[in-house]
N, C-alpha and C. Protein backbone atom coordinates (compact mmCIF):
# COMPACT_ATOMS: atom_id res chain seq x y z
N MET A 1 -9.33 -4.04 -25.51
CA MET A 1 -8.99 -3.66 -24.15
C MET A 1 -7.59 -4.14 -23.83
N SER A 2 -6.75 -3.26 -23.34
CA SER A 2 -5.35 -3.63 -22.98
C SER A 2 -5.31 -4.40 -21.74
N SER A 3 -4.17 -5.08 -21.48
CA SER A 3 -4.01 -5.87 -20.26
C SER A 3 -4.08 -5.00 -19.02
N VAL A 4 -3.63 -3.72 -19.15
CA VAL A 4 -3.70 -2.83 -18.00
C VAL A 4 -5.15 -2.55 -17.63
N GLU A 5 -6.00 -2.40 -18.62
CA GLU A 5 -7.40 -2.07 -18.36
C GLU A 5 -8.12 -3.27 -17.70
N LYS A 6 -7.64 -4.44 -17.87
CA LYS A 6 -8.26 -5.62 -17.27
C LYS A 6 -7.79 -5.86 -15.83
N ARG A 7 -6.75 -5.23 -15.41
CA ARG A 7 -6.19 -5.44 -14.07
C ARG A 7 -7.01 -4.72 -13.02
N ARG A 8 -7.12 -5.26 -11.81
CA ARG A 8 -7.81 -4.67 -10.72
C ARG A 8 -6.91 -4.66 -9.51
N VAL A 9 -6.79 -3.55 -8.82
CA VAL A 9 -5.89 -3.38 -7.71
C VAL A 9 -6.65 -2.83 -6.52
N ALA A 10 -6.38 -3.40 -5.33
CA ALA A 10 -6.93 -2.91 -4.06
C ALA A 10 -5.88 -2.11 -3.35
N PHE A 11 -6.31 -1.07 -2.71
CA PHE A 11 -5.46 -0.18 -1.86
C PHE A 11 -6.04 -0.16 -0.50
N VAL A 12 -5.25 -0.63 0.46
CA VAL A 12 -5.75 -0.68 1.85
C VAL A 12 -4.88 0.27 2.68
N GLN A 13 -5.53 1.20 3.41
CA GLN A 13 -4.73 2.14 4.19
C GLN A 13 -5.25 2.23 5.60
N ALA A 14 -4.30 2.50 6.48
CA ALA A 14 -4.62 2.76 7.88
C ALA A 14 -5.10 4.24 7.98
N THR A 15 -5.98 4.43 8.97
CA THR A 15 -6.51 5.82 9.15
C THR A 15 -5.78 6.60 10.24
N TRP A 16 -4.86 5.98 10.96
CA TRP A 16 -3.97 6.73 11.86
C TRP A 16 -3.18 7.69 11.00
N HIS A 17 -3.04 8.93 11.42
CA HIS A 17 -2.29 9.91 10.68
C HIS A 17 -2.85 10.06 9.24
N ARG A 18 -4.17 10.07 9.15
CA ARG A 18 -4.84 10.17 7.84
C ARG A 18 -4.32 11.26 6.93
N ASN A 19 -4.11 12.45 7.53
CA ASN A 19 -3.64 13.55 6.72
C ASN A 19 -2.34 13.29 5.95
N ILE A 20 -1.51 12.43 6.49
CA ILE A 20 -0.28 11.99 5.83
C ILE A 20 -0.51 10.79 4.95
N VAL A 21 -1.14 9.75 5.47
CA VAL A 21 -1.33 8.51 4.71
C VAL A 21 -2.20 8.68 3.49
N ASP A 22 -3.18 9.58 3.56
CA ASP A 22 -4.02 9.87 2.38
C ASP A 22 -3.12 10.30 1.20
N GLN A 23 -2.00 10.88 1.46
CA GLN A 23 -1.14 11.32 0.38
C GLN A 23 -0.57 10.12 -0.42
N ALA A 24 -0.33 9.03 0.23
CA ALA A 24 0.13 7.82 -0.49
C ALA A 24 -0.97 7.40 -1.45
N ARG A 25 -2.23 7.40 -1.01
CA ARG A 25 -3.35 7.04 -1.90
C ARG A 25 -3.38 8.00 -3.06
N ASN A 26 -3.22 9.28 -2.83
CA ASN A 26 -3.26 10.26 -3.92
C ASN A 26 -2.14 10.05 -4.92
N GLY A 27 -0.93 9.87 -4.42
CA GLY A 27 0.23 9.58 -5.31
C GLY A 27 0.03 8.28 -6.11
N PHE A 28 -0.46 7.28 -5.44
CA PHE A 28 -0.72 6.02 -6.07
C PHE A 28 -1.77 6.14 -7.15
N THR A 29 -2.87 6.78 -6.85
CA THR A 29 -3.96 6.93 -7.78
C THR A 29 -3.52 7.74 -9.01
N ASP A 30 -2.88 8.84 -8.80
CA ASP A 30 -2.46 9.68 -9.92
C ASP A 30 -1.51 8.90 -10.84
N GLU A 31 -0.63 8.13 -10.23
CA GLU A 31 0.38 7.41 -11.05
C GLU A 31 -0.30 6.23 -11.80
N MET A 32 -1.17 5.56 -11.13
CA MET A 32 -1.89 4.48 -11.82
C MET A 32 -2.71 4.96 -12.99
N LEU A 33 -3.35 6.11 -12.84
CA LEU A 33 -4.11 6.68 -13.93
C LEU A 33 -3.15 7.08 -15.06
N SER A 34 -1.99 7.60 -14.74
CA SER A 34 -1.02 7.97 -15.78
C SER A 34 -0.47 6.72 -16.50
N LEU A 35 -0.49 5.60 -15.83
CA LEU A 35 -0.03 4.32 -16.41
C LEU A 35 -1.11 3.63 -17.26
N GLY A 36 -2.27 4.19 -17.31
CA GLY A 36 -3.34 3.66 -18.17
C GLY A 36 -4.42 2.86 -17.45
N TYR A 37 -4.36 2.81 -16.13
CA TYR A 37 -5.43 2.14 -15.35
C TYR A 37 -6.62 3.07 -15.28
N SER A 38 -7.81 2.52 -15.25
CA SER A 38 -9.02 3.30 -15.08
C SER A 38 -9.27 3.48 -13.58
N ARG A 39 -9.96 4.51 -13.22
CA ARG A 39 -10.31 4.75 -11.80
C ARG A 39 -11.18 3.60 -11.31
N ASP A 40 -12.01 3.03 -12.20
CA ASP A 40 -12.88 1.90 -11.81
C ASP A 40 -12.11 0.63 -11.47
N SER A 41 -10.85 0.54 -11.92
CA SER A 41 -10.04 -0.65 -11.62
C SER A 41 -9.35 -0.61 -10.29
N LEU A 42 -9.53 0.53 -9.56
CA LEU A 42 -8.86 0.71 -8.28
C LEU A 42 -9.92 0.75 -7.18
N ASP A 43 -9.77 -0.06 -6.20
CA ASP A 43 -10.71 -0.13 -5.05
C ASP A 43 -9.95 0.26 -3.78
N PHE A 44 -10.57 1.06 -2.93
CA PHE A 44 -9.93 1.58 -1.74
C PHE A 44 -10.65 1.16 -0.50
N PHE A 45 -9.80 0.74 0.51
CA PHE A 45 -10.34 0.23 1.73
C PHE A 45 -9.56 0.86 2.89
N GLU A 46 -10.26 1.07 4.03
CA GLU A 46 -9.60 1.68 5.19
C GLU A 46 -9.73 0.74 6.41
N VAL A 47 -8.69 0.75 7.19
CA VAL A 47 -8.66 0.03 8.47
C VAL A 47 -8.18 1.01 9.53
N PRO A 48 -8.41 0.70 10.81
CA PRO A 48 -8.02 1.66 11.85
C PRO A 48 -6.50 1.96 11.92
N GLY A 49 -5.70 0.90 11.93
CA GLY A 49 -4.25 1.10 12.04
C GLY A 49 -3.48 0.13 11.13
N ALA A 50 -2.21 0.25 11.09
CA ALA A 50 -1.36 -0.58 10.25
C ALA A 50 -1.48 -2.06 10.66
N PHE A 51 -1.65 -2.36 11.93
CA PHE A 51 -1.70 -3.73 12.40
C PHE A 51 -2.85 -4.52 11.75
N GLU A 52 -3.89 -3.79 11.39
CA GLU A 52 -5.10 -4.47 10.78
C GLU A 52 -4.98 -4.70 9.27
N ILE A 53 -3.94 -4.10 8.63
CA ILE A 53 -3.82 -4.20 7.18
C ILE A 53 -3.65 -5.62 6.69
N PRO A 54 -2.73 -6.44 7.24
CA PRO A 54 -2.51 -7.77 6.65
C PRO A 54 -3.72 -8.68 6.56
N LEU A 55 -4.54 -8.72 7.58
CA LEU A 55 -5.78 -9.52 7.49
C LEU A 55 -6.70 -9.02 6.41
N HIS A 56 -6.87 -7.71 6.37
CA HIS A 56 -7.70 -7.10 5.32
C HIS A 56 -7.17 -7.54 3.94
N ALA A 57 -5.85 -7.39 3.77
CA ALA A 57 -5.18 -7.72 2.49
C ALA A 57 -5.43 -9.20 2.16
N ARG A 58 -5.31 -10.05 3.17
CA ARG A 58 -5.55 -11.50 2.90
C ARG A 58 -6.95 -11.76 2.49
N ARG A 59 -7.95 -11.16 3.11
CA ARG A 59 -9.36 -11.39 2.73
C ARG A 59 -9.57 -10.84 1.35
N LEU A 60 -8.97 -9.72 1.01
CA LEU A 60 -9.15 -9.18 -0.35
C LEU A 60 -8.55 -10.14 -1.40
N ALA A 61 -7.33 -10.63 -1.07
CA ALA A 61 -6.65 -11.57 -1.98
C ALA A 61 -7.46 -12.84 -2.16
N ALA A 62 -8.11 -13.31 -1.13
CA ALA A 62 -8.89 -14.52 -1.15
C ALA A 62 -10.10 -14.37 -2.04
N THR A 63 -10.58 -13.17 -2.31
CA THR A 63 -11.76 -13.03 -3.17
C THR A 63 -11.43 -13.39 -4.64
N GLY A 64 -10.16 -13.38 -5.00
CA GLY A 64 -9.83 -13.66 -6.36
C GLY A 64 -10.13 -12.50 -7.32
N ARG A 65 -10.54 -11.41 -6.78
CA ARG A 65 -10.94 -10.24 -7.57
C ARG A 65 -9.75 -9.35 -7.97
N TYR A 66 -8.66 -9.41 -7.20
CA TYR A 66 -7.60 -8.44 -7.37
C TYR A 66 -6.31 -9.06 -7.88
N ASP A 67 -5.68 -8.35 -8.77
CA ASP A 67 -4.39 -8.77 -9.34
C ASP A 67 -3.24 -8.33 -8.44
N GLY A 68 -3.51 -7.33 -7.69
CA GLY A 68 -2.47 -6.81 -6.73
C GLY A 68 -3.13 -6.00 -5.60
N ILE A 69 -2.37 -5.90 -4.51
CA ILE A 69 -2.84 -5.17 -3.36
C ILE A 69 -1.75 -4.28 -2.86
N VAL A 70 -2.08 -3.01 -2.58
CA VAL A 70 -1.15 -2.03 -2.05
C VAL A 70 -1.59 -1.66 -0.63
N ALA A 71 -0.65 -1.60 0.27
CA ALA A 71 -0.94 -1.28 1.67
C ALA A 71 -0.20 0.04 2.04
N ALA A 72 -0.86 0.91 2.82
CA ALA A 72 -0.24 2.15 3.22
C ALA A 72 -0.58 2.41 4.66
N GLY A 73 0.44 2.86 5.43
CA GLY A 73 0.23 3.21 6.82
C GLY A 73 1.48 3.93 7.32
N LEU A 74 1.34 4.59 8.46
CA LEU A 74 2.45 5.27 9.12
C LEU A 74 2.49 4.69 10.56
N VAL A 75 3.57 4.04 10.87
CA VAL A 75 3.75 3.48 12.19
C VAL A 75 4.81 4.31 12.87
N VAL A 76 4.42 5.00 13.90
CA VAL A 76 5.30 5.99 14.57
C VAL A 76 5.71 5.52 15.96
N ASP A 77 6.85 6.01 16.38
CA ASP A 77 7.33 5.77 17.71
C ASP A 77 6.58 6.71 18.67
N GLY A 78 5.67 6.16 19.45
CA GLY A 78 4.89 6.97 20.36
C GLY A 78 5.52 7.04 21.73
N GLY A 79 6.83 6.77 21.84
CA GLY A 79 7.51 6.85 23.09
C GLY A 79 7.69 5.51 23.77
N ILE A 80 7.17 4.46 23.19
CA ILE A 80 7.35 3.13 23.72
C ILE A 80 7.89 2.24 22.57
N TYR A 81 8.47 1.18 22.92
CA TYR A 81 9.17 0.32 21.95
C TYR A 81 8.25 -0.40 21.00
N ARG A 82 6.95 -0.41 21.24
CA ARG A 82 5.93 -1.18 20.54
C ARG A 82 5.96 -0.96 18.98
N HIS A 83 6.29 0.23 18.48
CA HIS A 83 6.21 0.53 17.05
C HIS A 83 7.05 -0.40 16.24
N GLU A 84 8.18 -0.82 16.75
CA GLU A 84 9.09 -1.75 15.98
C GLU A 84 8.41 -3.11 15.83
N PHE A 85 7.71 -3.58 16.86
CA PHE A 85 7.02 -4.86 16.78
C PHE A 85 5.86 -4.79 15.79
N VAL A 86 5.14 -3.68 15.87
CA VAL A 86 4.00 -3.45 15.00
C VAL A 86 4.48 -3.43 13.52
N ALA A 87 5.50 -2.65 13.27
CA ALA A 87 6.03 -2.51 11.83
C ALA A 87 6.50 -3.86 11.35
N GLY A 88 7.23 -4.62 12.16
CA GLY A 88 7.70 -5.92 11.76
C GLY A 88 6.57 -6.87 11.47
N ALA A 89 5.55 -6.86 12.37
CA ALA A 89 4.40 -7.78 12.15
C ALA A 89 3.67 -7.44 10.91
N VAL A 90 3.54 -6.15 10.63
CA VAL A 90 2.78 -5.75 9.40
C VAL A 90 3.51 -6.19 8.17
N ILE A 91 4.80 -5.92 8.09
CA ILE A 91 5.60 -6.26 6.91
C ILE A 91 5.66 -7.82 6.75
N ASP A 92 5.88 -8.52 7.84
CA ASP A 92 5.87 -9.98 7.75
C ASP A 92 4.50 -10.51 7.29
N GLY A 93 3.42 -9.92 7.85
CA GLY A 93 2.10 -10.30 7.44
C GLY A 93 1.83 -10.06 5.99
N LEU A 94 2.25 -8.92 5.46
CA LEU A 94 2.04 -8.63 4.06
C LEU A 94 2.84 -9.61 3.17
N MET A 95 4.02 -9.94 3.56
CA MET A 95 4.82 -10.90 2.76
C MET A 95 4.12 -12.25 2.79
N ARG A 96 3.60 -12.64 3.94
CA ARG A 96 2.85 -13.94 4.02
C ARG A 96 1.65 -13.95 3.13
N VAL A 97 0.93 -12.80 3.09
CA VAL A 97 -0.25 -12.75 2.23
C VAL A 97 0.13 -13.06 0.80
N GLN A 98 1.17 -12.39 0.33
CA GLN A 98 1.49 -12.60 -1.11
C GLN A 98 2.00 -13.99 -1.38
N LEU A 99 2.79 -14.54 -0.47
CA LEU A 99 3.28 -15.89 -0.71
C LEU A 99 2.23 -16.95 -0.52
N ASP A 100 1.27 -16.73 0.36
CA ASP A 100 0.18 -17.72 0.58
C ASP A 100 -0.89 -17.63 -0.48
N THR A 101 -1.12 -16.45 -1.05
CA THR A 101 -2.22 -16.32 -2.00
C THR A 101 -1.79 -16.14 -3.47
N ASP A 102 -0.51 -15.92 -3.71
CA ASP A 102 -0.01 -15.71 -5.09
C ASP A 102 -0.52 -14.37 -5.62
N ILE A 103 -0.92 -13.50 -4.79
CA ILE A 103 -1.35 -12.12 -5.23
C ILE A 103 -0.24 -11.19 -4.68
N PRO A 104 0.41 -10.46 -5.59
CA PRO A 104 1.46 -9.56 -5.14
C PRO A 104 0.91 -8.43 -4.23
N VAL A 105 1.66 -8.14 -3.16
CA VAL A 105 1.36 -7.09 -2.20
C VAL A 105 2.46 -6.13 -2.08
N PHE A 106 2.13 -4.88 -2.14
CA PHE A 106 3.12 -3.81 -2.11
C PHE A 106 2.96 -2.96 -0.87
N SER A 107 4.05 -2.50 -0.27
CA SER A 107 3.96 -1.80 0.98
C SER A 107 4.39 -0.36 0.90
N VAL A 108 3.49 0.48 1.36
CA VAL A 108 3.85 1.92 1.62
C VAL A 108 3.55 2.08 3.12
N VAL A 109 3.89 1.09 3.91
CA VAL A 109 3.80 1.17 5.35
C VAL A 109 5.18 1.61 5.86
N LEU A 110 5.26 2.85 6.29
CA LEU A 110 6.56 3.42 6.65
C LEU A 110 6.66 3.62 8.17
N THR A 111 7.90 3.40 8.66
CA THR A 111 8.19 3.62 10.09
C THR A 111 9.39 4.59 10.23
N PRO A 112 9.07 5.86 10.33
CA PRO A 112 10.15 6.79 10.48
C PRO A 112 10.93 6.59 11.79
N HIS A 113 12.22 6.78 11.74
CA HIS A 113 13.05 6.59 12.92
C HIS A 113 12.61 7.54 14.00
N HIS A 114 12.51 8.78 13.71
CA HIS A 114 12.11 9.75 14.72
C HIS A 114 11.08 10.68 14.08
N PHE A 115 9.79 10.40 14.37
CA PHE A 115 8.72 11.24 13.84
C PHE A 115 8.12 12.05 14.99
N HIS A 116 8.02 13.33 14.80
CA HIS A 116 7.42 14.23 15.79
C HIS A 116 6.39 15.02 15.03
N GLU A 117 5.24 15.19 15.71
CA GLU A 117 4.11 15.90 15.09
C GLU A 117 4.29 17.40 15.15
N HIS A 118 5.28 17.87 14.41
CA HIS A 118 5.46 19.30 14.26
C HIS A 118 5.50 19.61 12.74
N ASP A 119 5.37 20.86 12.43
CA ASP A 119 5.17 21.24 11.02
C ASP A 119 6.21 20.68 10.06
N GLU A 120 7.50 20.68 10.47
CA GLU A 120 8.52 20.22 9.57
C GLU A 120 8.39 18.75 9.20
N HIS A 121 8.15 17.90 10.17
CA HIS A 121 7.99 16.45 9.96
C HIS A 121 6.72 16.19 9.24
N ILE A 122 5.66 16.81 9.62
CA ILE A 122 4.39 16.62 8.92
C ILE A 122 4.49 16.99 7.44
N ARG A 123 5.11 18.12 7.14
CA ARG A 123 5.31 18.57 5.78
C ARG A 123 6.16 17.56 5.00
N TYR A 124 7.28 17.17 5.64
CA TYR A 124 8.17 16.22 4.95
C TYR A 124 7.50 14.90 4.62
N PHE A 125 6.80 14.30 5.64
CA PHE A 125 6.18 13.02 5.41
C PHE A 125 4.95 13.08 4.49
N THR A 126 4.29 14.19 4.55
CA THR A 126 3.19 14.38 3.59
C THR A 126 3.67 14.33 2.15
N GLU A 127 4.75 15.03 1.87
CA GLU A 127 5.35 15.00 0.52
C GLU A 127 5.93 13.63 0.21
N HIS A 128 6.60 13.01 1.21
CA HIS A 128 7.21 11.75 1.06
C HIS A 128 6.18 10.62 0.71
N PHE A 129 5.04 10.70 1.31
CA PHE A 129 3.99 9.69 1.07
C PHE A 129 3.46 9.79 -0.34
N VAL A 130 3.38 11.00 -0.91
CA VAL A 130 2.94 11.15 -2.31
C VAL A 130 3.96 10.38 -3.19
N LYS A 131 5.25 10.64 -2.96
CA LYS A 131 6.26 9.95 -3.78
C LYS A 131 6.22 8.42 -3.59
N LYS A 132 6.06 7.98 -2.37
CA LYS A 132 6.03 6.54 -2.10
C LYS A 132 4.80 5.90 -2.73
N GLY A 133 3.67 6.60 -2.70
CA GLY A 133 2.48 6.08 -3.37
C GLY A 133 2.67 5.92 -4.84
N ALA A 134 3.31 6.88 -5.47
CA ALA A 134 3.63 6.79 -6.91
C ALA A 134 4.61 5.67 -7.20
N GLU A 135 5.59 5.51 -6.31
CA GLU A 135 6.60 4.46 -6.50
C GLU A 135 5.90 3.07 -6.38
N ALA A 136 4.95 2.94 -5.47
CA ALA A 136 4.19 1.68 -5.32
C ALA A 136 3.37 1.39 -6.53
N ALA A 137 2.80 2.42 -7.14
CA ALA A 137 2.05 2.25 -8.37
C ALA A 137 2.94 1.72 -9.45
N ARG A 138 4.11 2.31 -9.64
CA ARG A 138 5.00 1.80 -10.71
C ARG A 138 5.50 0.41 -10.42
N ALA A 139 5.77 0.11 -9.17
CA ALA A 139 6.20 -1.26 -8.81
C ALA A 139 5.06 -2.23 -9.04
N CYS A 140 3.86 -1.86 -8.69
CA CYS A 140 2.69 -2.73 -8.90
C CYS A 140 2.51 -2.99 -10.37
N ASP A 141 2.51 -1.99 -11.17
CA ASP A 141 2.36 -2.18 -12.64
C ASP A 141 3.45 -3.03 -13.23
N ALA A 142 4.69 -2.78 -12.88
CA ALA A 142 5.79 -3.55 -13.42
C ALA A 142 5.71 -5.03 -12.97
N THR A 143 5.36 -5.25 -11.75
CA THR A 143 5.27 -6.61 -11.23
C THR A 143 4.11 -7.33 -11.86
N LEU A 144 2.96 -6.69 -12.01
CA LEU A 144 1.83 -7.38 -12.66
C LEU A 144 2.16 -7.71 -14.11
N THR A 145 2.87 -6.79 -14.78
CA THR A 145 3.23 -7.08 -16.14
C THR A 145 4.22 -8.25 -16.23
N ALA A 146 5.22 -8.24 -15.35
CA ALA A 146 6.20 -9.33 -15.31
C ALA A 146 5.57 -10.68 -15.00
N LEU A 147 4.66 -10.68 -14.03
CA LEU A 147 4.01 -11.94 -13.62
C LEU A 147 3.10 -12.44 -14.77
N HIS A 148 2.47 -11.51 -15.48
CA HIS A 148 1.60 -11.89 -16.63
C HIS A 148 2.39 -12.58 -17.73
N GLU A 149 3.65 -12.14 -17.85
CA GLU A 149 4.48 -12.68 -18.97
C GLU A 149 5.16 -14.00 -18.61
N LEU A 150 5.10 -14.40 -17.34
CA LEU A 150 5.71 -15.72 -16.95
C LEU A 150 4.88 -16.84 -17.56
N PRO A 151 5.58 -17.95 -17.87
CA PRO A 151 4.79 -19.12 -18.30
C PRO A 151 3.91 -19.64 -17.18
N HIS A 152 2.72 -20.10 -17.60
CA HIS A 152 1.77 -20.61 -16.55
C HIS A 152 2.03 -22.06 -16.23
């Protein structure tokens, strides 16, 4: 059994804008499978919004079951300034999880500058999330490999 086959990764996603955020999961899954991970080594979890992701990630990290955790969400400007605070809190929270637990955490939590729910933006971000999910998979694999090679 290769070291890739022994690794286990959790993917936590927000369900706001599911039609777009699901694409990050799809891109991530496809890329992880192409990198040699089995579907059984990937566990998927959902939370209502991006703000809930860091606590879920922390609880998952605390189980000791996962070698890495990937988070995905779309934080949009709904016409009030709140989205910048939410995005900052989520990213800070995810960084804290990995530093506090020693489990690497990867973010596909995106905050577009100007997102509008019309066909052009939905199409663009749907495609963009597939790419970002695949990028997160490659970053996850490379990081897990690099950490495994560090002296203990």
